[in-house]
Amino acid sequence: MARKKVLRAIKDAEKAASETLSNAKKEAASIISQARQNASEILNSERSNSDSTNQNMLSKARESANSEAKLVSDDGSLAEKNVHDSGKKNRAKAEKLVIDAFKN
């Protein structure tokens, strides 16, 4: 009879250990699933933040490039105007030189 009690206690302990192990595996699977879901949410959020940051950086770079291009364009326009004005002043002299060259 004592032997039956011991065997029964061992069997009950094995059953309890098996249930505990099964519950632990279920809980571990649940924890892993939740961790994966959280990681996915974090990745999506950071990807969105990164895209937003990249767009802001591109916009600032475009604005800076446009500003620089305008400065260069303005400098070119000023240089063109100076050459044109200088040409106006010297046009009469150039005409006289060409005509004198044909006369001689």
PDB file of N, CA and C in Angstrom:
ATOM      1  N   MET A   1       0.808  -1.171   0.000  1.00  0.00           N
ATOM      2  CA  MET A   1       0.000   0.000   0.000  1.00  0.00           C
ATOM      3  C   MET A   1       0.870   1.260   0.000  1.00  0.00           C
ATOM      4  N   ALA A   2       1.899   1.295   0.762  1.00  0.00           N
ATOM      5  CA  ALA A   2       2.797   2.439   0.797  1.00  0.00           C
ATOM      6  C   ALA A   2       3.465   2.608  -0.560  1.00  0.00           C
ATOM      7  N   ARG A   3       3.725   1.456  -1.170  1.00  0.00           N
ATOM      8  CA  ARG A   3       4.350   1.488  -2.488  1.00  0.00           C
ATOM      9  C   ARG A   3       3.393   2.118  -3.505  1.00  0.00           C
ATOM     10  N   LYS A   4       2.111   1.795  -3.434  1.00  0.00           N
ATOM     11  CA  LYS A   4       1.120   2.374  -4.326  1.00  0.00           C
ATOM     12  C   LYS A   4       1.037   3.888  -4.127  1.00  0.00           C
ATOM     13  N   LYS A   5       1.108   4.309  -2.891  1.00  0.00           N
ATOM     14  CA  LYS A   5       1.057   5.746  -2.598  1.00  0.00           C
ATOM     15  C   LYS A   5       2.265   6.463  -3.193  1.00  0.00           C
ATOM     16  N   VAL A   6       3.430   5.844  -3.081  1.00  0.00           N
ATOM     17  CA  VAL A   6       4.653   6.443  -3.613  1.00  0.00           C
ATOM     18  C   VAL A   6       4.567   6.517  -5.143  1.00  0.00           C
ATOM     19  N   LEU A   7       4.132   5.409  -5.752  1.00  0.00           N
ATOM     20  CA  LEU A   7       4.000   5.387  -7.203  1.00  0.00           C
ATOM     21  C   LEU A   7       2.967   6.422  -7.674  1.00  0.00           C
ATOM     22  N   ARG A   8       1.873   6.498  -6.941  1.00  0.00           N
ATOM     23  CA  ARG A   8       0.826   7.470  -7.277  1.00  0.00           C
ATOM     24  C   ARG A   8       1.371   8.899  -7.126  1.00  0.00           C
ATOM     25  N   ALA A   9       2.131   9.166  -6.097  1.00  0.00           N
ATOM     26  CA  ALA A   9       2.712  10.487  -5.872  1.00  0.00           C
ATOM     27  C   ALA A   9       3.691  10.830  -7.002  1.00  0.00           C
ATOM     28  N   ILE A  10       4.491   9.820  -7.411  1.00  0.00           N
ATOM     29  CA  ILE A  10       5.436  10.046  -8.510  1.00  0.00           C
ATOM     30  C   ILE A  10       4.675  10.349  -9.795  1.00  0.00           C
ATOM     31  N   LYS A  11       3.631   9.544 -10.058  1.00  0.00           N
ATOM     32  CA  LYS A  11       2.826   9.748 -11.250  1.00  0.00           C
ATOM     33  C   LYS A  11       2.156  11.122 -11.234  1.00  0.00           C
ATOM     34  N   ASP A  12       1.625  11.517 -10.088  1.00  0.00           N
ATOM     35  CA  ASP A  12       0.999  12.837  -9.968  1.00  0.00           C
ATOM     36  C   ASP A  12       2.028  13.954 -10.161  1.00  0.00           C
ATOM     37  N   ALA A  13       3.220  13.759  -9.623  1.00  0.00           N
ATOM     38  CA  ALA A  13       4.288  14.752  -9.763  1.00  0.00           C
ATOM     39  C   ALA A  13       4.709  14.867 -11.226  1.00  0.00           C
ATOM     40  N   GLU A  14       4.811  13.721 -11.918  1.00  0.00           N
ATOM     41  CA  GLU A  14       5.165  13.736 -13.341  1.00  0.00           C
ATOM     42  C   GLU A  14       4.087  14.456 -14.156  1.00  0.00           C
ATOM     43  N   LYS A  15       2.828  14.195 -13.796  1.00  0.00           N
ATOM     44  CA  LYS A  15       1.717  14.842 -14.498  1.00  0.00           C
ATOM     45  C   LYS A  15       1.753  16.355 -14.264  1.00  0.00           C
ATOM     46  N   ALA A  16       1.987  16.745 -13.015  1.00  0.00           N
ATOM     47  CA  ALA A  16       2.069  18.170 -12.684  1.00  0.00           C
ATOM     48  C   ALA A  16       3.253  18.821 -13.393  1.00  0.00           C
ATOM     49  N   ALA A  17       4.389  18.115 -13.437  1.00  0.00           N
ATOM     50  CA  ALA A  17       5.582  18.647 -14.116  1.00  0.00           C
ATOM     51  C   ALA A  17       5.312  18.792 -15.607  1.00  0.00           C
ATOM     52  N   SER A  18       4.625  17.811 -16.180  1.00  0.00           N
ATOM     53  CA  SER A  18       4.283  17.873 -17.597  1.00  0.00           C
ATOM     54  C   SER A  18       3.365  19.052 -17.888  1.00  0.00           C
ATOM     55  N   GLU A  19       2.381  19.272 -17.023  1.00  0.00           N
ATOM     56  CA  GLU A  19       1.467  20.418 -17.190  1.00  0.00           C
ATOM     57  C   GLU A  19       2.224  21.736 -17.028  1.00  0.00           C
ATOM     58  N   THR A  20       3.116  21.790 -16.068  1.00  0.00           N
ATOM     59  CA  THR A  20       3.921  22.996 -15.840  1.00  0.00           C
ATOM     60  C   THR A  20       4.790  23.289 -17.062  1.00  0.00           C
ATOM     61  N   LEU A  21       5.405  22.228 -17.606  1.00  0.00           N
ATOM     62  CA  LEU A  21       6.244  22.379 -18.788  1.00  0.00           C
ATOM     63  C   LEU A  21       5.412  22.850 -19.979  1.00  0.00           C
ATOM     64  N   SER A  22       4.232  22.273 -20.142  1.00  0.00           N
ATOM     65  CA  SER A  22       3.348  22.663 -21.231  1.00  0.00           C
ATOM     66  C   SER A  22       2.916  24.125 -21.092  1.00  0.00           C
ATOM     67  N   ASN A  23       2.555  24.506 -19.870  1.00  0.00           N
ATOM     68  CA  ASN A  23       2.172  25.899 -19.619  1.00  0.00           C
ATOM     69  C   ASN A  23       3.342  26.848 -19.863  1.00  0.00           C
ATOM     70  N   ALA A  24       4.544  26.449 -19.476  1.00  0.00           N
ATOM     71  CA  ALA A  24       5.733  27.280 -19.679  1.00  0.00           C
ATOM     72  C   ALA A  24       6.008  27.455 -21.176  1.00  0.00           C
ATOM     73  N   LYS A  25       5.831  26.370 -21.954  1.00  0.00           N
ATOM     74  CA  LYS A  25       6.047  26.465 -23.393  1.00  0.00           C
ATOM     75  C   LYS A  25       5.025  27.400 -24.036  1.00  0.00           C
ATOM     76  N   LYS A  26       3.773  27.308 -23.589  1.00  0.00           N
ATOM     77  CA  LYS A  26       2.731  28.191 -24.112  1.00  0.00           C
ATOM     78  C   LYS A  26       3.040  29.642 -23.774  1.00  0.00           C
ATOM     79  N   GLU A  27       3.454  29.870 -22.535  1.00  0.00           N
ATOM     80  CA  GLU A  27       3.774  31.237 -22.107  1.00  0.00           C
ATOM     81  C   GLU A  27       4.990  31.774 -22.866  1.00  0.00           C
ATOM     82  N   ALA A  28       5.985  30.922 -23.084  1.00  0.00           N
ATOM     83  CA  ALA A  28       7.168  31.339 -23.838  1.00  0.00           C
ATOM     84  C   ALA A  28       6.783  31.695 -25.269  1.00  0.00           C
ATOM     85  N   ALA A  29       5.924  30.872 -25.876  1.00  0.00           N
ATOM     86  CA  ALA A  29       5.474  31.159 -27.240  1.00  0.00           C
ATOM     87  C   ALA A  29       4.710  32.479 -27.278  1.00  0.00           C
ATOM     88  N   SER A  30       3.903  32.730 -26.266  1.00  0.00           N
ATOM     89  CA  SER A  30       3.151  33.978 -26.193  1.00  0.00           C
ATOM     90  C   SER A  30       4.087  35.170 -26.031  1.00  0.00           C
ATOM     91  N   ILE A  31       5.097  35.037 -25.191  1.00  0.00           N
ATOM     92  CA  ILE A  31       6.067  36.114 -24.971  1.00  0.00           C
ATOM     93  C   ILE A  31       6.836  36.399 -26.262  1.00  0.00           C
ATOM     94  N   ILE A  32       7.255  35.338 -26.956  1.00  0.00           N
ATOM     95  CA  ILE A  32       7.986  35.513 -28.211  1.00  0.00           C
ATOM     96  C   ILE A  32       7.105  36.190 -29.250  1.00  0.00           C
ATOM     97  N   SER A  33       5.848  35.761 -29.327  1.00  0.00           N
ATOM     98  CA  SER A  33       4.919  36.358 -30.283  1.00  0.00           C
ATOM     99  C   SER A  33       4.719  37.842 -29.986  1.00  0.00           C
ATOM    100  N   GLN A  34       4.547  38.179 -28.727  1.00  0.00           N
ATOM    101  CA  GLN A  34       4.361  39.576 -28.324  1.00  0.00           C
ATOM    102  C   GLN A  34       5.628  40.391 -28.624  1.00  0.00           C
ATOM    103  N   ALA A  35       6.788  39.803 -28.363  1.00  0.00           N
ATOM    104  CA  ALA A  35       8.054  40.499 -28.635  1.00  0.00           C
ATOM    105  C   ALA A  35       8.212  40.758 -30.133  1.00  0.00           C
ATOM    106  N   ARG A  36       7.843  39.774 -30.950  1.00  0.00           N
ATOM    107  CA  ARG A  36       7.923  39.967 -32.404  1.00  0.00           C
ATOM    108  C   ARG A  36       6.985  41.067 -32.859  1.00  0.00           C
ATOM    109  N   GLN A  37       5.786  41.077 -32.295  1.00  0.00           N
ATOM    110  CA  GLN A  37       4.814  42.108 -32.652  1.00  0.00           C
ATOM    111  C   GLN A  37       5.333  43.487 -32.253  1.00  0.00           C
ATOM    112  N   ASN A  38       5.879  43.593 -31.043  1.00  0.00           N
ATOM    113  CA  ASN A  38       6.436  44.869 -30.586  1.00  0.00           C
ATOM    114  C   ASN A  38       7.608  45.317 -31.462  1.00  0.00           C
ATOM    115  N   ALA A  39       8.467  44.359 -31.828  1.00  0.00           N
ATOM    116  CA  ALA A  39       9.612  44.688 -32.684  1.00  0.00           C
ATOM    117  C   ALA A  39       9.127  45.179 -34.049  1.00  0.00           C
ATOM    118  N   SER A  40       8.116  44.532 -34.571  1.00  0.00           N
ATOM    119  CA  SER A  40       7.560  44.937 -35.866  1.00  0.00           C
ATOM    120  C   SER A  40       6.991  46.349 -35.784  1.00  0.00           C
ATOM    121  N   GLU A  41       6.266  46.650 -34.711  1.00  0.00           N
ATOM    122  CA  GLU A  41       5.705  47.985 -34.535  1.00  0.00           C
ATOM    123  C   GLU A  41       6.812  49.031 -34.416  1.00  0.00           C
ATOM    124  N   ILE A  42       7.857  48.704 -33.684  1.00  0.00           N
ATOM    125  CA  ILE A  42       8.986  49.630 -33.523  1.00  0.00           C
ATOM    126  C   ILE A  42       9.659  49.875 -34.873  1.00  0.00           C
ATOM    127  N   LEU A  43       9.885  48.795 -35.632  1.00  0.00           N
ATOM    128  CA  LEU A  43      10.511  48.941 -36.948  1.00  0.00           C
ATOM    129  C   LEU A  43       9.666  49.815 -37.870  1.00  0.00           C
ATOM    130  N   ASN A  44       8.371  49.575 -37.888  1.00  0.00           N
ATOM    131  CA  ASN A  44       7.494  50.378 -38.742  1.00  0.00           C
ATOM    132  C   ASN A  44       7.500  51.843 -38.332  1.00  0.00           C
ATOM    133  N   SER A  45       7.464  52.075 -37.033  1.00  0.00           N
ATOM    134  CA  SER A  45       7.483  53.445 -36.533  1.00  0.00           C
ATOM    135  C   SER A  45       8.798  54.138 -36.898  1.00  0.00           C
ATOM    136  N   GLU A  46       9.896  53.469 -36.685  1.00  0.00           N
ATOM    137  CA  GLU A  46      11.203  54.066 -36.983  1.00  0.00           C
ATOM    138  C   GLU A  46      11.397  54.242 -38.486  1.00  0.00           C
ATOM    139  N   ARG A  47      10.867  53.308 -39.272  1.00  0.00           N
ATOM    140  CA  ARG A  47      10.952  53.439 -40.729  1.00  0.00           C
ATOM    141  C   ARG A  47      10.188  54.689 -41.173  1.00  0.00           C
ATOM    142  N   SER A  48       9.023  54.889 -40.571  1.00  0.00           N
ATOM    143  CA  SER A  48       8.214  56.067 -40.890  1.00  0.00           C
ATOM    144  C   SER A  48       8.950  57.340 -40.473  1.00  0.00           C
ATOM    145  N   ASN A  49       9.532  57.332 -39.283  1.00  0.00           N
ATOM    146  CA  ASN A  49      10.297  58.491 -38.811  1.00  0.00           C
ATOM    147  C   ASN A  49      11.491  58.766 -39.725  1.00  0.00           C
ATOM    148  N   SER A  50      12.145  57.706 -40.144  1.00  0.00           N
ATOM    149  CA  SER A  50      13.302  57.840 -41.028  1.00  0.00           C
ATOM    150  C   SER A  50      12.887  58.439 -42.367  1.00  0.00           C
ATOM    151  N   ASP A  51      11.772  57.960 -42.918  1.00  0.00           N
ATOM    152  CA  ASP A  51      11.285  58.512 -44.188  1.00  0.00           C
ATOM    153  C   ASP A  51      10.969  59.992 -44.048  1.00  0.00           C
ATOM    154  N   SER A  52      10.338  60.346 -42.946  1.00  0.00           N
ATOM    155  CA  SER A  52       9.988  61.745 -42.700  1.00  0.00           C
ATOM    156  C   SER A  52      11.250  62.604 -42.581  1.00  0.00           C
ATOM    157  N   THR A  53      12.220  62.111 -41.847  1.00  0.00           N
ATOM    158  CA  THR A  53      13.479  62.833 -41.675  1.00  0.00           C
ATOM    159  C   THR A  53      14.194  62.995 -43.015  1.00  0.00           C
ATOM    160  N   ASN A  54      14.198  61.919 -43.806  1.00  0.00           N
ATOM    161  CA  ASN A  54      14.837  61.992 -45.130  1.00  0.00           C
ATOM    162  C   ASN A  54      14.148  63.022 -46.012  1.00  0.00           C
ATOM    163  N   GLN A  55      12.826  63.058 -45.986  1.00  0.00           N
ATOM    164  CA  GLN A  55      12.095  64.039 -46.786  1.00  0.00           C
ATOM    165  C   GLN A  55      12.436  65.464 -46.346  1.00  0.00           C
ATOM    166  N   ASN A  56      12.525  65.677 -45.036  1.00  0.00           N
ATOM    167  CA  ASN A  56      12.889  67.006 -44.525  1.00  0.00           C
ATOM    168  C   ASN A  56      14.297  67.396 -44.978  1.00  0.00           C
ATOM    169  N   MET A  57      15.219  66.445 -44.910  1.00  0.00           N
ATOM    170  CA  MET A  57      16.593  66.726 -45.324  1.00  0.00           C
ATOM    171  C   MET A  57      16.651  67.035 -46.816  1.00  0.00           C
ATOM    172  N   LEU A  58      15.906  66.275 -47.613  1.00  0.00           N
ATOM    173  CA  LEU A  58      15.880  66.535 -49.055  1.00  0.00           C
ATOM    174  C   LEU A  58      15.292  67.913 -49.357  1.00  0.00           C
ATOM    175  N   SER A  59      14.225  68.270 -48.653  1.00  0.00           N
ATOM    176  CA  SER A  59      13.615  69.586 -48.869  1.00  0.00           C
ATOM    177  C   SER A  59      14.594  70.701 -48.535  1.00  0.00           C
ATOM    178  N   LYS A  60      15.290  70.567 -47.415  1.00  0.00           N
ATOM    179  CA  LYS A  60      16.273  71.580 -47.035  1.00  0.00           C
ATOM    180  C   LYS A  60      17.413  71.651 -48.049  1.00  0.00           C
ATOM    181  N   ALA A  61      17.851  70.494 -48.535  1.00  0.00           N
ATOM    182  CA  ALA A  61      18.927  70.474 -49.531  1.00  0.00           C
ATOM    183  C   ALA A  61      18.461  71.139 -50.827  1.00  0.00           C
ATOM    184  N   ARG A  62      17.220  70.868 -51.227  1.00  0.00           N
ATOM    185  CA  ARG A  62      16.684  71.510 -52.443  1.00  0.00           C
ATOM    186  C   ARG A  62      16.617  73.026 -52.268  1.00  0.00           C
ATOM    187  N   GLU A  63      16.128  73.460 -51.108  1.00  0.00           N
ATOM    188  CA  GLU A  63      16.036  74.902 -50.853  1.00  0.00           C
ATOM    189  C   GLU A  63      17.423  75.540 -50.906  1.00  0.00           C
ATOM    190  N   SER A  64      18.383  74.879 -50.296  1.00  0.00           N
ATOM    191  CA  SER A  64      19.748  75.402 -50.293  1.00  0.00           C
ATOM    192  C   SER A  64      20.316  75.444 -51.708  1.00  0.00           C
ATOM    193  N   ALA A  65      20.087  74.382 -52.479  1.00  0.00           N
ATOM    194  CA  ALA A  65      20.590  74.337 -53.860  1.00  0.00           C
ATOM    195  C   ALA A  65      19.918  75.406 -54.711  1.00  0.00           C
ATOM    196  N   ASN A  66      18.613  75.595 -54.527  1.00  0.00           N
ATOM    197  CA  ASN A  66      17.913  76.634 -55.291  1.00  0.00           C
ATOM    198  C   ASN A  66      18.424  78.018 -54.940  1.00  0.00           C
ATOM    199  N   SER A  67      18.677  78.242 -53.655  1.00  0.00           N
ATOM    200  CA  SER A  67      19.205  79.532 -53.214  1.00  0.00           C
ATOM    201  C   SER A  67      20.586  79.777 -53.823  1.00  0.00           C
ATOM    202  N   GLU A  68      21.423  78.752 -53.798  1.00  0.00           N
ATOM    203  CA  GLU A  68      22.770  78.864 -54.369  1.00  0.00           C
ATOM    204  C   GLU A  68      22.692  79.083 -55.880  1.00  0.00           C
ATOM    205  N   ALA A  69      21.792  78.363 -56.539  1.00  0.00           N
ATOM    206  CA  ALA A  69      21.634  78.518 -57.992  1.00  0.00           C
ATOM    207  C   ALA A  69      21.167  79.929 -58.336  1.00  0.00           C
ATOM    208  N   LYS A  70      20.284  80.488 -57.518  1.00  0.00           N
ATOM    209  CA  LYS A  70      19.808  81.850 -57.763  1.00  0.00           C
ATOM    210  C   LYS A  70      20.958  82.846 -57.633  1.00  0.00           C
ATOM    211  N   LEU A  71      21.804  82.655 -56.604  1.00  0.00           N
ATOM    212  CA  LEU A  71      22.959  83.548 -56.440  1.00  0.00           C
ATOM    213  C   LEU A  71      23.890  83.472 -57.652  1.00  0.00           C
ATOM    214  N   VAL A  72      24.154  82.262 -58.112  1.00  0.00           N
ATOM    215  CA  VAL A  72      25.037  82.090 -59.269  1.00  0.00           C
ATOM    216  C   VAL A  72      24.392  82.703 -60.508  1.00  0.00           C
ATOM    217  N   SER A  73      23.094  82.498 -60.671  1.00  0.00           N
ATOM    218  CA  SER A  73      22.373  83.061 -61.812  1.00  0.00           C
ATOM    219  C   SER A  73      22.409  84.589 -61.771  1.00  0.00           C
ATOM    220  N   ASP A  74      22.189  85.149 -60.582  1.00  0.00           N
ATOM    221  CA  ASP A  74      22.238  86.612 -60.437  1.00  0.00           C
ATOM    222  C   ASP A  74      23.626  87.151 -60.770  1.00  0.00           C
ATOM    223  N   ASP A  75      24.674  86.444 -60.304  1.00  0.00           N
ATOM    224  CA  ASP A  75      26.050  86.862 -60.623  1.00  0.00           C
ATOM    225  C   ASP A  75      26.290  86.805 -62.127  1.00  0.00           C
ATOM    226  N   GLY A  76      25.784  85.750 -62.776  1.00  0.00           N
ATOM    227  CA  GLY A  76      25.941  85.615 -64.223  1.00  0.00           C
ATOM    228  C   GLY A  76      25.207  86.718 -64.959  1.00  0.00           C
ATOM    229  N   SER A  77      24.013  87.049 -64.498  1.00  0.00           N
ATOM    230  CA  SER A  77      23.244  88.128 -65.138  1.00  0.00           C
ATOM    231  C   SER A  77      23.957  89.461 -65.005  1.00  0.00           C
ATOM    232  N   LEU A  78      24.526  89.690 -63.840  1.00  0.00           N
ATOM    233  CA  LEU A  78      25.266  90.933 -63.617  1.00  0.00           C
ATOM    234  C   LEU A  78      26.497  90.982 -64.534  1.00  0.00           C
ATOM    235  N   ALA A  79      27.206  89.875 -64.647  1.00  0.00           N
ATOM    236  CA  ALA A  79      28.380  89.844 -65.520  1.00  0.00           C
ATOM    237  C   ALA A  79      27.972  90.053 -66.973  1.00  0.00           C
ATOM    238  N   GLU A  80      26.871  89.456 -67.378  1.00  0.00           N
ATOM    239  CA  GLU A  80      26.372  89.644 -68.748  1.00  0.00           C
ATOM    240  C   GLU A  80      26.027  91.109 -69.002  1.00  0.00           C
ATOM    241  N   LYS A  81      25.367  91.739 -68.030  1.00  0.00           N
ATOM    242  CA  LYS A  81      25.006  93.152 -68.165  1.00  0.00           C
ATOM    243  C   LYS A  81      26.259  94.013 -68.273  1.00  0.00           C
ATOM    244  N   ASN A  82      27.276  93.719 -67.465  1.00  0.00           N
ATOM    245  CA  ASN A  82      28.528  94.484 -67.508  1.00  0.00           C
ATOM    246  C   ASN A  82      29.202  94.358 -68.867  1.00  0.00           C
ATOM    247  N   VAL A  83      29.228  93.143 -69.413  1.00  0.00           N
ATOM    248  CA  VAL A  83      29.842  92.941 -70.732  1.00  0.00           C
ATOM    249  C   VAL A  83      29.050  93.700 -71.786  1.00  0.00           C
ATOM    250  N   HIS A  84      27.741  93.625 -71.701  1.00  0.00           N
ATOM    251  CA  HIS A  84      26.896  94.320 -72.671  1.00  0.00           C
ATOM    252  C   HIS A  84      27.094  95.840 -72.583  1.00  0.00           C
ATOM    253  N   ASP A  85      27.101  96.360 -71.351  1.00  0.00           N
ATOM    254  CA  ASP A  85      27.305  97.808 -71.176  1.00  0.00           C
ATOM    255  C   ASP A  85      28.686  98.231 -71.667  1.00  0.00           C
ATOM    256  N   SER A  86      29.671  97.407 -71.371  1.00  0.00           N
ATOM    257  CA  SER A  86      31.025  97.716 -71.821  1.00  0.00           C
ATOM    258  C   SER A  86      31.084  97.706 -73.349  1.00  0.00           C
ATOM    259  N   GLY A  87      30.374  96.784 -73.959  1.00  0.00           N
ATOM    260  CA  GLY A  87      30.323  96.706 -75.413  1.00  0.00           C
ATOM    261  C   GLY A  87      29.668  97.941 -76.012  1.00  0.00           C
ATOM    262  N   LYS A  88      28.648  98.464 -75.362  1.00  0.00           N
ATOM    263  CA  LYS A  88      27.971  99.673 -75.847  1.00  0.00           C
ATOM    264  C   LYS A  88      28.942 100.851 -75.858  1.00  0.00           C
ATOM    265  N   LYS A  89      29.707 100.987 -74.797  1.00  0.00           N
ATOM    266  CA  LYS A  89      30.641 102.111 -74.692  1.00  0.00           C
ATOM    267  C   LYS A  89      31.705 102.040 -75.781  1.00  0.00           C
ATOM    268  N   ASN A  90      32.161 100.866 -76.112  1.00  0.00           N
ATOM    269  CA  ASN A  90      33.273 100.711 -77.045  1.00  0.00           C
ATOM    270  C   ASN A  90      32.819 100.434 -78.483  1.00  0.00           C
ATOM    271  N   ARG A  91      31.518 100.393 -78.727  1.00  0.00           N
ATOM    272  CA  ARG A  91      31.019 100.065 -80.064  1.00  0.00           C
ATOM    273  C   ARG A  91      31.447 101.124 -81.092  1.00  0.00           C
ATOM    274  N   ALA A  92      31.326 102.354 -80.748  1.00  0.00           N
ATOM    275  CA  ALA A  92      31.699 103.430 -81.694  1.00  0.00           C
ATOM    276  C   ALA A  92      33.192 103.361 -82.017  1.00  0.00           C
ATOM    277  N   LYS A  93      34.023 103.124 -81.032  1.00  0.00           N
ATOM    278  CA  LYS A  93      35.466 103.001 -81.256  1.00  0.00           C
ATOM    279  C   LYS A  93      35.757 101.821 -82.187  1.00  0.00           C
ATOM    280  N   ALA A  94      35.077 100.697 -81.945  1.00  0.00           N
ATOM    281  CA  ALA A  94      35.291  99.508 -82.772  1.00  0.00           C
ATOM    282  C   ALA A  94      34.866  99.768 -84.211  1.00  0.00           C
ATOM    283  N   GLU A  95      33.739 100.463 -84.404  1.00  0.00           N
ATOM    284  CA  GLU A  95      33.275 100.783 -85.752  1.00  0.00           C
ATOM    285  C   GLU A  95      34.304 101.646 -86.476  1.00  0.00           C
ATOM    286  N   LYS A  96      34.819 102.636 -85.768  1.00  0.00           N
ATOM    287  CA  LYS A  96      35.805 103.532 -86.365  1.00  0.00           C
ATOM    288  C   LYS A  96      37.063 102.770 -86.743  1.00  0.00           C
ATOM    289  N   LEU A  97      37.530 101.828 -85.875  1.00  0.00           N
ATOM    290  CA  LEU A  97      38.723 101.044 -86.177  1.00  0.00           C
ATOM    291  C   LEU A  97      38.528 100.177 -87.414  1.00  0.00           C
ATOM    292  N   VAL A  98      37.359  99.568 -87.546  1.00  0.00           N
ATOM    293  CA  VAL A  98      37.091  98.697 -88.693  1.00  0.00           C
ATOM    294  C   VAL A  98      37.037  99.527 -89.977  1.00  0.00           C
ATOM    295  N   ILE A  99      36.352 100.644 -89.916  1.00  0.00           N
ATOM    296  CA  ILE A  99      36.238 101.509 -91.114  1.00  0.00           C
ATOM    297  C   ILE A  99      37.613 102.038 -91.493  1.00  0.00           C
ATOM    298  N   ASP A 100      38.392 102.486 -90.532  1.00  0.00           N
ATOM    299  CA  ASP A 100      39.743 102.983 -90.808  1.00  0.00           C
ATOM    300  C   ASP A 100      40.621 101.885 -91.399  1.00  0.00           C
ATOM    301  N   ALA A 101      40.424 100.640 -90.941  1.00  0.00           N
ATOM    302  CA  ALA A 101      41.220  99.534 -91.463  1.00  0.00           C
ATOM    303  C   ALA A 101      40.894  99.290 -92.925  1.00  0.00           C
ATOM    304  N   PHE A 102      39.636  99.454 -93.335  1.00  0.00           N
ATOM    305  CA  PHE A 102      39.254  99.281 -94.730  1.00  0.00           C
ATOM    306  C   PHE A 102      39.758 100.430 -95.608  1.00  0.00           C
ATOM    307  N   LYS A 103      39.827 101.604 -95.034  1.00  0.00           N
ATOM    308  CA  LYS A 103      40.279 102.780 -95.783  1.00  0.00           C
ATOM    309  C   LYS A 103      41.765 102.655 -96.094  1.00  0.00           C
ATOM    310  N   ASN A 104      42.524 102.134 -95.214  1.00  0.00           N
ATOM    311  CA  ASN A 104      43.994 102.055 -95.404  1.00  0.00           C
ATOM    312  C   ASN A 104      44.362 100.838 -96.136  1.00  0.00           C
TER     313      ASN A 104
END
